[in-house]
Protein backbone atom coordinates (compact mmCIF):
# COMPACT_ATOMS: atom_id res chain seq x y z
CA UNK A 1 141.66 95.27 130.07
CA UNK A 2 137.93 95.33 128.69
CA UNK A 3 136.52 94.95 132.28
CA UNK A 4 138.07 98.10 133.38
CA UNK A 5 135.89 100.19 131.26
CA UNK A 6 132.64 98.73 132.60
CA UNK A 7 130.06 100.83 134.18
CA UNK A 8 127.19 98.45 134.52
CA UNK A 9 126.45 94.59 134.70
CA UNK A 10 123.17 93.11 133.56
CA UNK A 11 121.82 89.74 134.41
CA UNK A 12 119.28 87.30 133.11
CA UNK A 13 116.91 86.31 135.86
CA UNK A 14 115.91 82.60 135.90
CA UNK A 15 118.94 80.30 136.08
CA UNK A 16 121.21 83.26 136.67
CA UNK A 17 120.20 85.27 139.79
CA UNK A 18 117.35 83.02 140.97
CA UNK A 19 116.76 79.27 141.17
CA UNK A 20 113.03 79.20 140.01
CA UNK A 21 113.08 75.61 138.67
CA UNK A 22 111.12 74.09 141.87
CA UNK A 23 108.14 76.44 141.30
CA UNK A 24 108.11 76.19 137.53
CA UNK A 25 108.38 72.48 137.53
CA UNK A 26 105.67 72.16 140.17
CA UNK A 27 103.40 74.49 138.22
CA UNK A 28 103.69 72.07 135.12
CA UNK A 29 103.66 68.91 137.22
CA UNK A 30 100.29 69.99 138.66
CA UNK A 31 98.93 69.98 135.28
CA UNK A 32 100.07 66.24 134.87
CA UNK A 33 98.65 65.10 138.28
CA UNK A 34 95.26 67.08 137.61
CA UNK A 35 94.97 64.70 134.76
CA UNK A 36 95.79 61.62 136.74
CA UNK A 37 99.31 61.38 135.05
CA UNK A 38 102.29 60.28 137.24
CA UNK A 39 104.24 63.10 138.75
CA UNK A 40 107.92 63.57 137.48
CA UNK A 41 110.95 64.51 139.37
CA UNK A 42 112.25 68.03 139.60
CA UNK A 43 115.33 66.77 137.93
CA UNK A 44 113.40 66.14 134.72
CA UNK A 45 112.08 69.83 134.68
CA UNK A 46 115.24 71.62 136.02
CA UNK A 47 117.36 71.51 132.74
CA UNK A 48 114.69 73.26 130.85
CA UNK A 49 113.36 75.67 133.44
CA UNK A 50 115.04 78.54 131.43
CA UNK A 51 112.79 78.00 128.62
CA UNK A 52 109.56 78.75 130.56
CA UNK A 53 106.31 77.54 129.59
CA UNK A 54 107.66 75.99 126.37
CA UNK A 55 110.27 73.97 128.19
CA UNK A 56 108.01 72.86 131.19
CA UNK A 57 105.16 71.79 128.74
CA UNK A 58 107.62 70.01 126.68
CA UNK A 59 108.83 68.02 129.64
CA UNK A 60 105.40 67.44 131.15
CA UNK A 61 103.71 66.54 127.81
CA UNK A 62 105.99 66.27 125.08
CA UNK A 63 104.40 69.36 123.52
CA UNK A 64 105.83 72.26 121.38
CA UNK A 65 104.34 75.60 120.67
CA UNK A 66 103.08 74.25 117.43
CA UNK A 67 101.19 71.62 119.12
CA UNK A 68 97.26 71.60 119.03
CA UNK A 69 95.89 73.26 122.28
CA UNK A 70 99.44 74.67 123.31
CA UNK A 71 98.16 78.17 123.82
CA UNK A 72 95.33 76.87 126.39
CA UNK A 73 97.81 74.84 128.12
CA UNK A 74 100.26 77.55 128.27
CA UNK A 75 97.64 79.79 130.15
CA UNK A 76 96.94 77.13 132.48
CA UNK A 77 100.69 76.71 133.33
CA UNK A 78 100.91 80.39 133.55
CA UNK A 79 98.10 80.56 136.30
CA UNK A 80 99.61 77.68 138.18
CA UNK A 81 102.80 79.30 138.22
CA UNK A 82 101.49 82.68 139.34
CA UNK A 83 99.73 81.06 142.28
CA UNK A 84 103.14 79.76 143.68
CA UNK A 85 105.97 81.43 142.08
CA UNK A 86 107.50 82.55 145.45
CA UNK A 87 106.97 79.22 147.26
CA UNK A 88 110.25 77.51 146.58
CA UNK A 89 112.20 80.05 144.31
CA UNK A 90 115.42 81.00 146.05
CA UNK A 91 118.47 83.54 145.19
CA UNK A 92 121.48 81.51 144.08
CA UNK A 93 124.14 81.37 146.82
CA UNK A 94 126.51 84.32 146.27
CA UNK A 95 124.07 86.68 144.43
CA UNK A 96 123.70 88.95 147.30
CA UNK A 97 127.45 89.25 147.83
CA UNK A 98 127.79 89.84 144.26
CA UNK A 99 125.20 92.66 144.12
CA UNK A 100 126.74 94.41 147.27
CA UNK A 101 130.39 94.21 145.71
CA UNK A 102 129.20 95.64 142.48
CA UNK A 103 127.68 98.60 144.28
CA UNK A 104 130.96 98.97 146.30
CA UNK A 105 132.96 99.12 142.79
CA UNK A 106 130.50 101.84 141.66
CA UNK A 107 128.75 99.61 139.08
CA UNK A 108 125.25 99.89 138.24
CA UNK A 109 123.34 96.69 137.66
CA UNK A 110 119.98 95.46 136.25
CA UNK A 111 117.81 92.56 135.05
CA UNK A 112 116.98 91.55 131.48
CA UNK A 113 114.64 88.50 131.40
CA UNK A 114 112.34 86.98 128.83
CA UNK A 115 109.83 86.32 131.75
CA UNK A 116 106.66 88.44 131.22
CA UNK A 117 106.28 91.54 133.41
CA UNK A 118 103.29 89.84 135.20
CA UNK A 119 105.71 87.44 136.78
CA UNK A 120 108.87 89.59 136.82
CA UNK A 121 107.46 92.57 138.62
CA UNK A 122 106.15 90.57 141.75
CA UNK A 123 109.13 88.38 142.00
CA UNK A 124 111.62 91.38 141.84
CA UNK A 125 109.58 93.12 144.29
CA UNK A 126 109.46 90.30 146.81
CA UNK A 127 113.28 89.93 146.84
CA UNK A 128 114.61 93.03 149.13
CA UNK A 129 118.16 92.59 147.61
CA UNK A 130 116.75 93.38 144.23
CA UNK A 131 115.58 96.81 145.17
CA UNK A 132 118.95 98.21 144.00
CA UNK A 133 118.55 97.09 140.46
CA UNK A 134 118.72 100.31 138.35
CA UNK A 135 116.64 98.73 135.47
CA UNK A 136 114.39 95.79 135.25
CA UNK A 137 113.23 94.93 131.57
CA UNK A 138 110.85 91.90 131.07
CA UNK A 139 110.27 89.79 127.75
CA UNK A 140 107.30 91.98 126.92
CA UNK A 141 108.87 95.60 127.94
CA UNK A 142 109.97 96.05 124.46
CA UNK A 143 108.44 94.82 121.16
CA UNK A 144 111.18 92.14 121.13
CA UNK A 145 112.72 89.51 123.49
CA UNK A 146 115.81 87.88 123.56
CA UNK A 147 117.94 86.85 121.39
CA UNK A 148 116.94 90.37 119.93
CA UNK A 149 119.31 93.01 121.44
CA UNK A 150 116.54 95.52 122.02
CA UNK A 151 115.88 94.59 125.76
CA UNK A 152 119.49 94.89 126.57
CA UNK A 153 119.67 98.11 124.80
CA UNK A 154 116.49 99.40 126.83
CA UNK A 155 118.26 98.34 130.03
CA UNK A 156 121.37 100.34 128.94
CA UNK A 157 119.15 103.37 128.18
CA UNK A 158 117.48 103.18 131.66
CA UNK A 159 120.85 103.03 133.36
CA UNK A 160 122.13 105.76 131.19
CA UNK A 161 125.03 103.70 130.30
CA UNK A 162 126.76 103.13 126.87
CA UNK A 163 125.95 99.32 125.77
CA UNK A 164 129.60 98.92 125.03
CA UNK A 165 130.30 99.64 128.78
CA UNK A 166 127.96 96.77 129.91
CA UNK A 167 128.55 93.29 130.67
CA UNK A 168 125.60 90.77 130.33
CA UNK A 169 125.39 87.48 132.29
CA UNK A 170 123.14 84.80 131.25
CA UNK A 171 122.93 80.84 131.25
CA UNK A 172 121.28 80.58 127.81
CA UNK A 173 122.83 80.83 124.30
CA UNK A 174 120.05 83.60 123.50
CA UNK A 175 121.49 85.70 126.32
CA UNK A 176 124.99 85.48 124.77
CA UNK A 177 123.72 86.21 121.26
CA UNK A 178 121.60 89.17 122.58
CA UNK A 179 124.52 90.49 124.54
CA UNK A 180 126.93 90.29 121.60
CA UNK A 181 124.38 91.97 119.29
CA UNK A 182 124.00 94.79 121.83
CA UNK A 183 127.80 95.36 121.77
CA UNK A 184 128.00 94.07 125.26
CA UNK A 185 130.67 91.88 126.97
CA UNK A 186 128.90 88.63 127.95
CA UNK A 187 129.55 85.68 130.32
CA UNK A 188 128.01 82.30 130.24
CA UNK A 189 126.53 81.31 133.60
CA UNK A 190 127.10 77.55 133.46
CA UNK A 191 125.45 76.91 136.87
CA UNK A 192 122.23 77.75 135.36
CA UNK A 193 119.57 75.93 133.12
CA UNK A 194 121.69 75.33 130.08
CA UNK A 195 119.55 72.26 128.99
CA UNK A 196 121.00 68.73 128.63
CA UNK A 197 122.74 69.22 125.15
CA UNK A 198 123.99 72.90 125.70
CA UNK A 199 127.73 73.63 124.97
CA UNK A 200 128.65 76.97 126.35
CA UNK A 201 132.03 76.87 124.84
CA UNK A 202 130.12 77.25 121.40
CA UNK A 203 128.33 80.47 122.40
CA UNK A 204 131.24 82.72 121.89
CA UNK A 205 130.96 84.32 125.13
CA UNK A 206 133.65 86.42 126.59
CA UNK A 207 134.01 83.97 129.56
CA UNK A 208 132.16 81.41 131.63
CA UNK A 209 131.46 81.41 135.29
CA UNK A 210 130.50 78.51 137.51
CA UNK A 211 128.84 80.33 140.37
CA UNK A 212 127.53 83.99 140.69
CA UNK A 213 130.72 85.09 142.67
CA UNK A 214 132.64 83.68 139.43
CA UNK A 215 131.44 87.10 137.95
CA UNK A 216 133.81 89.22 140.49
CA UNK A 217 136.57 86.65 139.94
CA UNK A 218 136.23 87.25 136.16
CA UNK A 219 136.05 91.06 136.58
CA UNK A 220 139.37 90.96 138.62
CA UNK A 221 141.36 89.32 135.71
CA UNK A 222 139.58 90.39 132.59
């Protein structure tokens, strides 16, 4: 069984460990209301929360990174988000129990996110249960971000674990691409921010989980 050889489990952050969509969506929606535009419901923003500023500005204003003025609007979004990123963000149900049971099995764990460290570090520090993470790698920790495998390889180095003995869990195709490129087992977290047209069955992950505790169930049978 492949899972029998695991020494560590790594997780994406937004949409996998935490539900940050309410704060991400609110940061973008404030930009609309500041411009006297109608507020949009959280349900519009939630599917694209995993795409960060790109996703939120796409929903709020129909913009892409190639749109004129995108960089300035992105920084405005970042300021809005920074001012409220702990207001309504919550750990997904089951995550605390998952972390505790991984420790009980003697498995190390860590976080690998494309979120910039200016946001990752205060978020992780504010959640006591995340203090046991043996590695926290942000989108700007290495010269590359996911889907490049380097952030995952850096986390493995920090944990002093061979990448082939790691499992990576994420809710976006780039997570699975990065995990596979790093030589890790991968799980698609289908409860996260997969986007309206995402089809996790096409990602070639080693499995899918519908909740955080599904990771434990997968480990028990894999």
